[in-house]
Amino acid sequence: MAVYREDIADIELSTGRVHRTFLNHPLGEGDAEADIFGIRVWKNGEAVNLAGQTCSGYFIRADGSTEVITGGTASGNVALLLLPAACYVREGNFQLAIQLTSGGKTKTLRIVDGTVVNVIEGAINDPGGVVPEWEDEDLQDLLDRVAAAATTIGSYRVEATLIEDDDYEVTVTTATTE
């Protein structure tokens, strides 16, 4: 069973207004598919059948980039949108627009304002221990080893000779320096 938070708002179409919600709880940076936002649609108090509607959204992150969210569901009078991992990658304020589309017409029915908070500080522990932090000496040692490996690889010579049809003889030799 998936674990996620649900936030579904009732939308009354007869008011003609877009429903705007200000979340009183933050989302955690680094989460993925942890929140479902949705709408329950009514008109004059009667449930509106959303059959044939497509639910999608736009998530504007704190860095100003916009994530397009597709794959929402619409069933009965409820439309739901699951936030993908890309929505949780930047700390700061966000805005989410939830839209329904049908017959070439798109309607924004809900806007959600909220915050993604940083939940990670310092070294990150993984099941195998602490993810190492690179010191300048470690990085230089790694670069030296990469350069040495590149030099070694560069000293090899590979030749392929066609024997017959698509059969080849491959010869690997090392270049000799004089």
N, C-alpha and C. Protein backbone atom coordinates (compact mmCIF):
# COMPACT_ATOMS: atom_id res chain seq x y z
N MET A 1 0.84 -1.17 0.00
CA MET A 1 0.00 0.00 0.00
C MET A 1 0.89 1.24 0.00
N ALA A 2 0.61 2.16 -0.87
CA ALA A 2 1.37 3.41 -0.95
C ALA A 2 1.04 4.31 0.24
N VAL A 3 2.06 5.02 0.71
CA VAL A 3 1.87 5.95 1.82
C VAL A 3 2.03 7.37 1.27
N TYR A 4 0.99 8.16 1.39
CA TYR A 4 1.03 9.54 0.92
C TYR A 4 -0.02 10.35 1.66
N ARG A 5 0.15 11.65 1.62
CA ARG A 5 -0.84 12.56 2.21
C ARG A 5 -1.82 12.98 1.13
N GLU A 6 -3.09 13.11 1.49
CA GLU A 6 -4.11 13.57 0.54
C GLU A 6 -4.63 14.93 0.97
N ASP A 7 -4.79 15.82 0.01
CA ASP A 7 -5.37 17.14 0.26
C ASP A 7 -6.37 17.40 -0.86
N ILE A 8 -7.65 17.18 -0.57
CA ILE A 8 -8.71 17.31 -1.57
C ILE A 8 -9.65 18.43 -1.15
N ALA A 9 -9.89 19.36 -2.05
CA ALA A 9 -10.76 20.50 -1.76
C ALA A 9 -12.07 20.38 -2.55
N ASP A 10 -13.16 20.81 -1.92
CA ASP A 10 -14.45 20.85 -2.60
C ASP A 10 -14.52 22.12 -3.45
N ILE A 11 -14.90 21.95 -4.72
CA ILE A 11 -14.99 23.06 -5.67
C ILE A 11 -16.46 23.19 -6.09
N GLU A 12 -17.03 24.36 -5.86
CA GLU A 12 -18.41 24.64 -6.27
C GLU A 12 -18.35 25.52 -7.51
N LEU A 13 -18.71 24.94 -8.67
CA LEU A 13 -18.61 25.65 -9.95
C LEU A 13 -19.54 26.84 -10.05
N SER A 14 -20.66 26.83 -9.35
CA SER A 14 -21.62 27.92 -9.49
C SER A 14 -21.09 29.25 -8.93
N THR A 15 -20.00 29.22 -8.15
CA THR A 15 -19.44 30.47 -7.62
C THR A 15 -18.59 31.19 -8.67
N GLY A 16 -18.08 30.43 -9.64
CA GLY A 16 -17.24 31.03 -10.69
C GLY A 16 -15.83 31.38 -10.23
N ARG A 17 -15.45 30.97 -9.03
CA ARG A 17 -14.13 31.30 -8.51
C ARG A 17 -13.17 30.13 -8.58
N VAL A 18 -11.88 30.46 -8.68
CA VAL A 18 -10.83 29.45 -8.56
C VAL A 18 -10.56 29.29 -7.07
N HIS A 19 -10.51 28.08 -6.59
CA HIS A 19 -10.27 27.80 -5.18
C HIS A 19 -8.77 27.91 -4.90
N ARG A 20 -8.38 28.73 -3.92
CA ARG A 20 -6.98 28.90 -3.57
C ARG A 20 -6.77 28.44 -2.14
N THR A 21 -5.77 27.57 -1.96
CA THR A 21 -5.47 26.99 -0.66
C THR A 21 -4.06 27.37 -0.24
N PHE A 22 -3.89 27.75 1.01
CA PHE A 22 -2.57 27.99 1.58
C PHE A 22 -2.31 26.87 2.58
N LEU A 23 -1.35 26.01 2.25
CA LEU A 23 -1.08 24.85 3.10
C LEU A 23 -0.55 25.29 4.46
N ASN A 24 -1.02 24.61 5.50
CA ASN A 24 -0.52 24.91 6.84
C ASN A 24 0.53 23.90 7.28
N HIS A 25 1.00 23.09 6.34
CA HIS A 25 2.08 22.14 6.63
C HIS A 25 3.04 22.15 5.44
N PRO A 26 4.33 21.98 5.70
CA PRO A 26 5.29 21.98 4.59
C PRO A 26 5.43 20.60 3.95
N LEU A 27 6.03 20.59 2.76
CA LEU A 27 6.43 19.35 2.10
C LEU A 27 7.92 19.17 2.37
N GLY A 28 8.40 17.95 2.41
CA GLY A 28 9.80 17.69 2.71
C GLY A 28 10.65 17.60 1.45
N GLU A 29 11.73 18.38 1.41
CA GLU A 29 12.65 18.32 0.28
C GLU A 29 13.20 16.89 0.18
N GLY A 30 13.24 16.35 -1.03
CA GLY A 30 13.75 15.01 -1.25
C GLY A 30 12.66 13.94 -1.24
N ASP A 31 11.42 14.31 -0.89
CA ASP A 31 10.33 13.33 -0.96
C ASP A 31 10.06 12.98 -2.42
N ALA A 32 9.27 11.96 -2.64
CA ALA A 32 8.86 11.58 -3.98
C ALA A 32 7.50 10.90 -3.89
N GLU A 33 6.56 11.38 -4.66
CA GLU A 33 5.21 10.82 -4.69
C GLU A 33 4.65 10.67 -3.27
N ALA A 34 4.81 11.72 -2.46
CA ALA A 34 4.36 11.69 -1.07
C ALA A 34 3.05 12.43 -0.86
N ASP A 35 2.61 13.19 -1.85
CA ASP A 35 1.41 14.02 -1.68
C ASP A 35 0.50 13.91 -2.89
N ILE A 36 -0.78 13.77 -2.60
CA ILE A 36 -1.82 13.82 -3.63
C ILE A 36 -2.67 15.05 -3.35
N PHE A 37 -2.81 15.90 -4.36
CA PHE A 37 -3.70 17.05 -4.26
C PHE A 37 -4.86 16.79 -5.22
N GLY A 38 -6.03 17.23 -4.83
CA GLY A 38 -7.17 16.97 -5.69
C GLY A 38 -8.33 17.92 -5.46
N ILE A 39 -9.37 17.64 -6.24
CA ILE A 39 -10.59 18.43 -6.16
C ILE A 39 -11.80 17.49 -6.19
N ARG A 40 -12.85 17.91 -5.51
CA ARG A 40 -14.14 17.25 -5.56
C ARG A 40 -15.08 18.30 -6.13
N VAL A 41 -15.64 18.05 -7.32
CA VAL A 41 -16.35 19.09 -8.06
C VAL A 41 -17.87 18.97 -7.92
N TRP A 42 -18.50 20.13 -7.61
CA TRP A 42 -19.94 20.25 -7.43
C TRP A 42 -20.47 21.41 -8.25
N LYS A 43 -21.74 21.34 -8.64
CA LYS A 43 -22.41 22.48 -9.28
C LYS A 43 -23.81 22.55 -8.68
N ASN A 44 -24.09 23.68 -8.02
CA ASN A 44 -25.35 23.86 -7.30
C ASN A 44 -25.62 22.72 -6.33
N GLY A 45 -24.54 22.26 -5.68
CA GLY A 45 -24.66 21.21 -4.67
C GLY A 45 -24.72 19.80 -5.20
N GLU A 46 -24.73 19.63 -6.52
CA GLU A 46 -24.80 18.30 -7.14
C GLU A 46 -23.42 17.90 -7.64
N ALA A 47 -23.07 16.62 -7.45
CA ALA A 47 -21.78 16.11 -7.92
C ALA A 47 -21.70 16.21 -9.44
N VAL A 48 -20.55 16.68 -9.94
CA VAL A 48 -20.32 16.79 -11.38
C VAL A 48 -19.54 15.57 -11.84
N ASN A 49 -20.05 14.87 -12.86
CA ASN A 49 -19.36 13.70 -13.39
C ASN A 49 -18.17 14.16 -14.23
N LEU A 50 -16.97 13.76 -13.85
CA LEU A 50 -15.74 14.18 -14.54
C LEU A 50 -15.28 13.17 -15.60
N ALA A 51 -16.17 12.25 -16.00
CA ALA A 51 -15.81 11.28 -17.04
C ALA A 51 -15.34 12.01 -18.28
N GLY A 52 -14.24 11.57 -18.85
CA GLY A 52 -13.69 12.18 -20.06
C GLY A 52 -12.78 13.37 -19.79
N GLN A 53 -12.66 13.78 -18.54
CA GLN A 53 -11.79 14.90 -18.18
C GLN A 53 -10.37 14.37 -17.92
N THR A 54 -9.39 15.17 -18.24
CA THR A 54 -7.99 14.86 -17.94
C THR A 54 -7.52 15.82 -16.86
N CYS A 55 -6.92 15.27 -15.81
CA CYS A 55 -6.41 16.09 -14.71
C CYS A 55 -4.90 16.25 -14.86
N SER A 56 -4.44 17.49 -14.84
CA SER A 56 -3.01 17.78 -14.94
C SER A 56 -2.70 18.99 -14.07
N GLY A 57 -1.43 19.35 -14.02
CA GLY A 57 -1.10 20.50 -13.20
C GLY A 57 0.24 21.11 -13.54
N TYR A 58 0.47 22.28 -12.95
CA TYR A 58 1.75 22.98 -13.07
C TYR A 58 2.24 23.27 -11.65
N PHE A 59 3.48 22.89 -11.38
CA PHE A 59 4.09 23.11 -10.07
C PHE A 59 5.24 24.07 -10.28
N ILE A 60 5.10 25.30 -9.76
CA ILE A 60 6.15 26.31 -9.89
C ILE A 60 7.02 26.23 -8.64
N ARG A 61 8.28 25.84 -8.85
CA ARG A 61 9.21 25.67 -7.73
C ARG A 61 9.80 27.01 -7.32
N ALA A 62 10.48 27.00 -6.17
CA ALA A 62 11.10 28.21 -5.63
C ALA A 62 12.17 28.77 -6.55
N ASP A 63 12.79 27.93 -7.39
CA ASP A 63 13.82 28.42 -8.31
C ASP A 63 13.22 29.01 -9.59
N GLY A 64 11.88 29.06 -9.66
CA GLY A 64 11.22 29.67 -10.82
C GLY A 64 10.91 28.71 -11.94
N SER A 65 11.39 27.48 -11.87
CA SER A 65 11.09 26.52 -12.93
C SER A 65 9.71 25.90 -12.70
N THR A 66 9.10 25.48 -13.78
CA THR A 66 7.75 24.90 -13.72
C THR A 66 7.80 23.44 -14.12
N GLU A 67 7.27 22.61 -13.25
CA GLU A 67 7.15 21.18 -13.54
C GLU A 67 5.74 20.91 -14.06
N VAL A 68 5.63 20.29 -15.22
CA VAL A 68 4.34 19.91 -15.77
C VAL A 68 4.01 18.54 -15.20
N ILE A 69 2.83 18.42 -14.61
CA ILE A 69 2.43 17.15 -13.99
C ILE A 69 1.28 16.57 -14.80
N THR A 70 1.51 15.39 -15.35
CA THR A 70 0.47 14.70 -16.12
C THR A 70 0.14 13.39 -15.41
N GLY A 71 -0.83 12.70 -15.92
CA GLY A 71 -1.17 11.39 -15.36
C GLY A 71 -2.12 11.44 -14.18
N GLY A 72 -2.75 12.59 -13.96
CA GLY A 72 -3.75 12.66 -12.90
C GLY A 72 -4.95 11.81 -13.25
N THR A 73 -5.80 11.55 -12.27
CA THR A 73 -6.98 10.73 -12.50
C THR A 73 -8.24 11.54 -12.26
N ALA A 74 -9.30 11.15 -12.94
CA ALA A 74 -10.62 11.76 -12.74
C ALA A 74 -11.65 10.64 -12.76
N SER A 75 -12.39 10.54 -11.66
CA SER A 75 -13.39 9.49 -11.55
C SER A 75 -14.53 10.01 -10.68
N GLY A 76 -15.76 9.80 -11.14
CA GLY A 76 -16.90 10.36 -10.42
C GLY A 76 -16.77 11.87 -10.42
N ASN A 77 -16.81 12.49 -9.25
CA ASN A 77 -16.64 13.94 -9.19
C ASN A 77 -15.29 14.33 -8.56
N VAL A 78 -14.33 13.36 -8.52
CA VAL A 78 -13.03 13.60 -7.89
C VAL A 78 -11.91 13.49 -8.92
N ALA A 79 -11.02 14.48 -8.89
CA ALA A 79 -9.81 14.46 -9.73
C ALA A 79 -8.61 14.55 -8.80
N LEU A 80 -7.59 13.71 -9.05
CA LEU A 80 -6.42 13.64 -8.18
C LEU A 80 -5.13 13.78 -8.97
N LEU A 81 -4.14 14.38 -8.32
CA LEU A 81 -2.84 14.62 -8.94
C LEU A 81 -1.75 14.24 -7.94
N LEU A 82 -0.91 13.26 -8.30
CA LEU A 82 0.19 12.81 -7.45
C LEU A 82 1.44 13.60 -7.81
N LEU A 83 2.09 14.23 -6.82
CA LEU A 83 3.29 15.03 -7.10
C LEU A 83 4.49 14.13 -7.37
N PRO A 84 5.17 14.34 -8.50
CA PRO A 84 6.39 13.56 -8.79
C PRO A 84 7.58 14.10 -8.00
N ALA A 85 8.67 13.34 -8.01
CA ALA A 85 9.88 13.70 -7.26
C ALA A 85 10.40 15.09 -7.62
N ALA A 86 10.24 15.51 -8.87
CA ALA A 86 10.75 16.82 -9.31
C ALA A 86 10.14 17.98 -8.54
N CYS A 87 9.00 17.76 -7.93
CA CYS A 87 8.35 18.83 -7.17
C CYS A 87 8.99 19.05 -5.79
N TYR A 88 9.82 18.12 -5.37
CA TYR A 88 10.39 18.18 -4.02
C TYR A 88 11.88 18.51 -4.02
N VAL A 89 12.44 18.93 -5.15
CA VAL A 89 13.90 19.08 -5.24
C VAL A 89 14.44 20.44 -4.82
N ARG A 90 13.59 21.45 -4.64
CA ARG A 90 14.07 22.78 -4.26
C ARG A 90 13.36 23.27 -3.02
N GLU A 91 14.13 23.70 -2.06
CA GLU A 91 13.59 24.29 -0.85
C GLU A 91 12.98 25.66 -1.18
N GLY A 92 11.86 25.98 -0.57
CA GLY A 92 11.25 27.29 -0.75
C GLY A 92 9.78 27.20 -1.09
N ASN A 93 9.20 28.35 -1.41
CA ASN A 93 7.77 28.44 -1.70
C ASN A 93 7.45 27.83 -3.07
N PHE A 94 6.23 27.31 -3.19
CA PHE A 94 5.76 26.76 -4.46
C PHE A 94 4.31 27.16 -4.68
N GLN A 95 3.88 27.07 -5.94
CA GLN A 95 2.48 27.21 -6.32
C GLN A 95 2.14 26.03 -7.22
N LEU A 96 1.00 25.43 -6.97
CA LEU A 96 0.51 24.31 -7.76
C LEU A 96 -0.84 24.68 -8.34
N ALA A 97 -0.99 24.55 -9.65
CA ALA A 97 -2.27 24.78 -10.31
C ALA A 97 -2.81 23.42 -10.75
N ILE A 98 -4.06 23.12 -10.39
CA ILE A 98 -4.70 21.87 -10.79
C ILE A 98 -5.74 22.22 -11.85
N GLN A 99 -5.64 21.51 -12.99
CA GLN A 99 -6.51 21.82 -14.13
C GLN A 99 -7.24 20.58 -14.62
N LEU A 100 -8.41 20.81 -15.19
CA LEU A 100 -9.15 19.77 -15.89
C LEU A 100 -9.25 20.18 -17.35
N THR A 101 -9.05 19.20 -18.24
CA THR A 101 -9.13 19.46 -19.67
C THR A 101 -10.10 18.48 -20.31
N SER A 102 -10.96 19.02 -21.20
CA SER A 102 -11.89 18.19 -21.95
C SER A 102 -12.33 18.97 -23.18
N GLY A 103 -12.37 18.29 -24.31
CA GLY A 103 -12.84 18.92 -25.54
C GLY A 103 -12.03 20.14 -25.94
N GLY A 104 -10.73 20.14 -25.64
CA GLY A 104 -9.87 21.26 -26.00
C GLY A 104 -9.97 22.45 -25.06
N LYS A 105 -10.77 22.32 -24.02
CA LYS A 105 -10.91 23.41 -23.05
C LYS A 105 -10.22 23.02 -21.75
N THR A 106 -9.42 23.96 -21.23
CA THR A 106 -8.69 23.73 -19.99
C THR A 106 -9.16 24.72 -18.95
N LYS A 107 -9.44 24.21 -17.74
CA LYS A 107 -9.93 25.04 -16.65
C LYS A 107 -9.04 24.84 -15.43
N THR A 108 -8.49 25.93 -14.89
CA THR A 108 -7.78 25.85 -13.61
C THR A 108 -8.83 25.97 -12.53
N LEU A 109 -8.93 24.94 -11.68
CA LEU A 109 -9.96 24.92 -10.65
C LEU A 109 -9.41 25.08 -9.24
N ARG A 110 -8.11 24.88 -9.08
CA ARG A 110 -7.53 25.01 -7.74
C ARG A 110 -6.08 25.47 -7.84
N ILE A 111 -5.69 26.35 -6.93
CA ILE A 111 -4.30 26.78 -6.79
C ILE A 111 -3.90 26.51 -5.35
N VAL A 112 -2.75 25.89 -5.18
CA VAL A 112 -2.24 25.57 -3.85
C VAL A 112 -0.93 26.30 -3.66
N ASP A 113 -0.82 27.07 -2.58
CA ASP A 113 0.43 27.74 -2.22
C ASP A 113 1.02 27.02 -1.02
N GLY A 114 2.32 26.75 -1.06
CA GLY A 114 2.94 26.06 0.05
C GLY A 114 4.44 26.23 0.07
N THR A 115 5.08 25.42 0.90
CA THR A 115 6.52 25.50 1.09
C THR A 115 7.12 24.10 1.11
N VAL A 116 8.26 23.97 0.45
CA VAL A 116 9.09 22.77 0.54
C VAL A 116 10.23 23.13 1.48
N VAL A 117 10.42 22.35 2.53
CA VAL A 117 11.47 22.65 3.50
C VAL A 117 12.62 21.67 3.39
N ASN A 118 13.81 22.15 3.70
CA ASN A 118 15.01 21.34 3.71
C ASN A 118 14.95 20.40 4.91
N VAL A 119 15.08 19.12 4.68
CA VAL A 119 15.05 18.15 5.77
C VAL A 119 16.38 17.39 5.89
N ILE A 120 17.41 17.85 5.15
CA ILE A 120 18.71 17.17 5.16
C ILE A 120 19.80 18.19 5.47
N GLU A 121 20.63 17.89 6.45
CA GLU A 121 21.78 18.72 6.79
C GLU A 121 22.98 17.83 7.03
N GLY A 122 24.17 18.30 6.69
CA GLY A 122 25.40 17.58 7.00
C GLY A 122 25.55 16.31 6.19
N ALA A 123 26.35 15.39 6.73
CA ALA A 123 26.62 14.12 6.05
C ALA A 123 25.35 13.28 6.02
N ILE A 124 25.17 12.56 4.92
CA ILE A 124 24.00 11.70 4.74
C ILE A 124 24.41 10.27 5.07
N ASN A 125 23.68 9.63 5.97
CA ASN A 125 23.97 8.24 6.31
C ASN A 125 23.19 7.33 5.38
N ASP A 126 23.89 6.33 4.86
CA ASP A 126 23.21 5.33 4.05
C ASP A 126 23.36 4.00 4.77
N PRO A 127 22.69 2.94 4.31
CA PRO A 127 22.76 1.66 5.02
C PRO A 127 24.18 1.13 5.17
N GLY A 128 25.10 1.55 4.31
CA GLY A 128 26.48 1.07 4.39
C GLY A 128 27.37 1.97 5.21
N GLY A 129 26.86 3.04 5.74
CA GLY A 129 27.68 3.96 6.51
C GLY A 129 27.42 5.39 6.08
N VAL A 130 28.43 6.22 6.25
CA VAL A 130 28.29 7.63 5.91
C VAL A 130 28.80 7.84 4.49
N VAL A 131 28.04 8.56 3.69
CA VAL A 131 28.50 8.92 2.35
C VAL A 131 29.72 9.83 2.53
N PRO A 132 30.86 9.47 1.96
CA PRO A 132 32.08 10.23 2.23
C PRO A 132 32.02 11.64 1.65
N GLU A 133 32.64 12.56 2.38
CA GLU A 133 32.83 13.91 1.86
C GLU A 133 34.22 13.95 1.25
N TRP A 134 34.36 14.59 0.09
CA TRP A 134 35.64 14.63 -0.60
C TRP A 134 36.51 15.74 -0.04
N GLU A 135 37.69 15.37 0.40
CA GLU A 135 38.70 16.36 0.78
C GLU A 135 39.50 16.69 -0.47
N ASP A 136 40.15 17.84 -0.50
CA ASP A 136 40.94 18.24 -1.66
C ASP A 136 41.97 17.19 -2.03
N GLU A 137 42.64 16.59 -1.00
CA GLU A 137 43.67 15.58 -1.27
C GLU A 137 43.05 14.34 -1.91
N ASP A 138 41.87 13.93 -1.42
CA ASP A 138 41.19 12.76 -1.99
C ASP A 138 40.82 12.99 -3.43
N LEU A 139 40.30 14.17 -3.72
CA LEU A 139 39.91 14.50 -5.08
C LEU A 139 41.13 14.53 -6.00
N GLN A 140 42.23 15.11 -5.53
CA GLN A 140 43.44 15.17 -6.35
C GLN A 140 43.98 13.76 -6.60
N ASP A 141 43.94 12.89 -5.57
CA ASP A 141 44.38 11.50 -5.74
C ASP A 141 43.53 10.80 -6.79
N LEU A 142 42.21 10.99 -6.74
CA LEU A 142 41.32 10.39 -7.73
C LEU A 142 41.65 10.89 -9.13
N LEU A 143 41.85 12.19 -9.28
CA LEU A 143 42.19 12.75 -10.59
C LEU A 143 43.51 12.20 -11.11
N ASP A 144 44.51 12.03 -10.21
CA ASP A 144 45.80 11.46 -10.61
C ASP A 144 45.63 10.03 -11.11
N ARG A 145 44.78 9.24 -10.40
CA ARG A 145 44.56 7.86 -10.82
C ARG A 145 43.81 7.79 -12.16
N VAL A 146 42.87 8.68 -12.36
CA VAL A 146 42.15 8.72 -13.64
C VAL A 146 43.11 9.07 -14.77
N ALA A 147 43.98 10.05 -14.55
CA ALA A 147 44.96 10.43 -15.58
C ALA A 147 45.90 9.28 -15.90
N ALA A 148 46.34 8.54 -14.88
CA ALA A 148 47.24 7.40 -15.10
C ALA A 148 46.52 6.31 -15.89
N ALA A 149 45.26 6.05 -15.55
CA ALA A 149 44.49 5.05 -16.28
C ALA A 149 44.30 5.45 -17.74
N ALA A 150 44.05 6.74 -17.97
CA ALA A 150 43.89 7.22 -19.35
C ALA A 150 45.18 7.04 -20.14
N THR A 151 46.31 7.29 -19.50
CA THR A 151 47.61 7.11 -20.17
C THR A 151 47.82 5.64 -20.51
N THR A 152 47.49 4.75 -19.56
CA THR A 152 47.65 3.31 -19.80
C THR A 152 46.75 2.86 -20.94
N ILE A 153 45.51 3.28 -20.92
CA ILE A 153 44.57 2.90 -21.98
C ILE A 153 45.06 3.43 -23.32
N GLY A 154 45.60 4.63 -23.31
CA GLY A 154 46.10 5.23 -24.54
C GLY A 154 47.29 4.49 -25.13
N SER A 155 47.96 3.66 -24.32
CA SER A 155 49.12 2.93 -24.83
C SER A 155 48.73 1.63 -25.54
N TYR A 156 47.46 1.28 -25.52
CA TYR A 156 47.00 0.07 -26.21
C TYR A 156 46.58 0.40 -27.63
N ARG A 157 46.78 -0.59 -28.50
CA ARG A 157 46.37 -0.45 -29.89
C ARG A 157 45.48 -1.62 -30.25
N VAL A 158 44.32 -1.34 -30.84
CA VAL A 158 43.37 -2.38 -31.21
C VAL A 158 43.24 -2.38 -32.72
N GLU A 159 43.41 -3.58 -33.31
CA GLU A 159 43.25 -3.72 -34.76
C GLU A 159 42.26 -4.84 -35.04
N ALA A 160 41.41 -4.63 -36.03
CA ALA A 160 40.45 -5.65 -36.44
C ALA A 160 40.72 -5.98 -37.90
N THR A 161 40.85 -7.27 -38.20
CA THR A 161 41.10 -7.72 -39.57
C THR A 161 39.94 -8.60 -40.01
N LEU A 162 39.34 -8.26 -41.17
CA LEU A 162 38.23 -9.04 -41.69
C LEU A 162 38.74 -10.39 -42.17
N ILE A 163 38.14 -11.46 -41.66
CA ILE A 163 38.52 -12.81 -42.07
C ILE A 163 37.59 -13.27 -43.18
N GLU A 164 36.28 -13.21 -42.89
CA GLU A 164 35.30 -13.66 -43.88
C GLU A 164 33.92 -13.20 -43.43
N ASP A 165 33.10 -12.74 -44.38
CA ASP A 165 31.75 -12.25 -44.10
C ASP A 165 31.79 -11.21 -42.98
N ASP A 166 31.26 -11.58 -41.81
CA ASP A 166 31.29 -10.64 -40.70
C ASP A 166 32.14 -11.17 -39.54
N ASP A 167 33.10 -12.05 -39.87
CA ASP A 167 34.04 -12.56 -38.87
C ASP A 167 35.31 -11.74 -38.91
N TYR A 168 35.74 -11.29 -37.74
CA TYR A 168 36.94 -10.47 -37.63
C TYR A 168 37.92 -11.11 -36.66
N GLU A 169 39.18 -10.82 -36.86
CA GLU A 169 40.21 -11.16 -35.89
C GLU A 169 40.62 -9.84 -35.23
N VAL A 170 40.54 -9.80 -33.91
CA VAL A 170 40.87 -8.59 -33.18
C VAL A 170 42.19 -8.81 -32.45
N THR A 171 43.11 -7.87 -32.62
CA THR A 171 44.42 -7.94 -31.98
C THR A 171 44.61 -6.71 -31.11
N VAL A 172 44.99 -6.94 -29.86
CA VAL A 172 45.28 -5.85 -28.94
C VAL A 172 46.77 -5.92 -28.60
N THR A 173 47.45 -4.81 -28.82
CA THR A 173 48.88 -4.75 -28.51
C THR A 173 49.16 -3.48 -27.71
N THR A 174 50.30 -3.49 -27.04
CA THR A 174 50.71 -2.27 -26.34
C THR A 174 51.77 -1.61 -27.18
N ALA A 175 51.68 -0.30 -27.22
CA ALA A 175 52.68 0.46 -27.98
C ALA A 175 53.97 0.48 -27.16
N THR A 176 55.07 0.31 -27.82
CA THR A 176 56.36 0.34 -27.13
C THR A 176 57.00 1.68 -27.36
N THR A 177 57.62 2.19 -26.33
CA THR A 177 58.32 3.46 -26.46
C THR A 177 59.80 3.19 -26.60
N GLU A 178 60.44 3.99 -27.40
CA GLU A 178 61.86 3.76 -27.63
C GLU A 178 62.67 4.86 -27.03
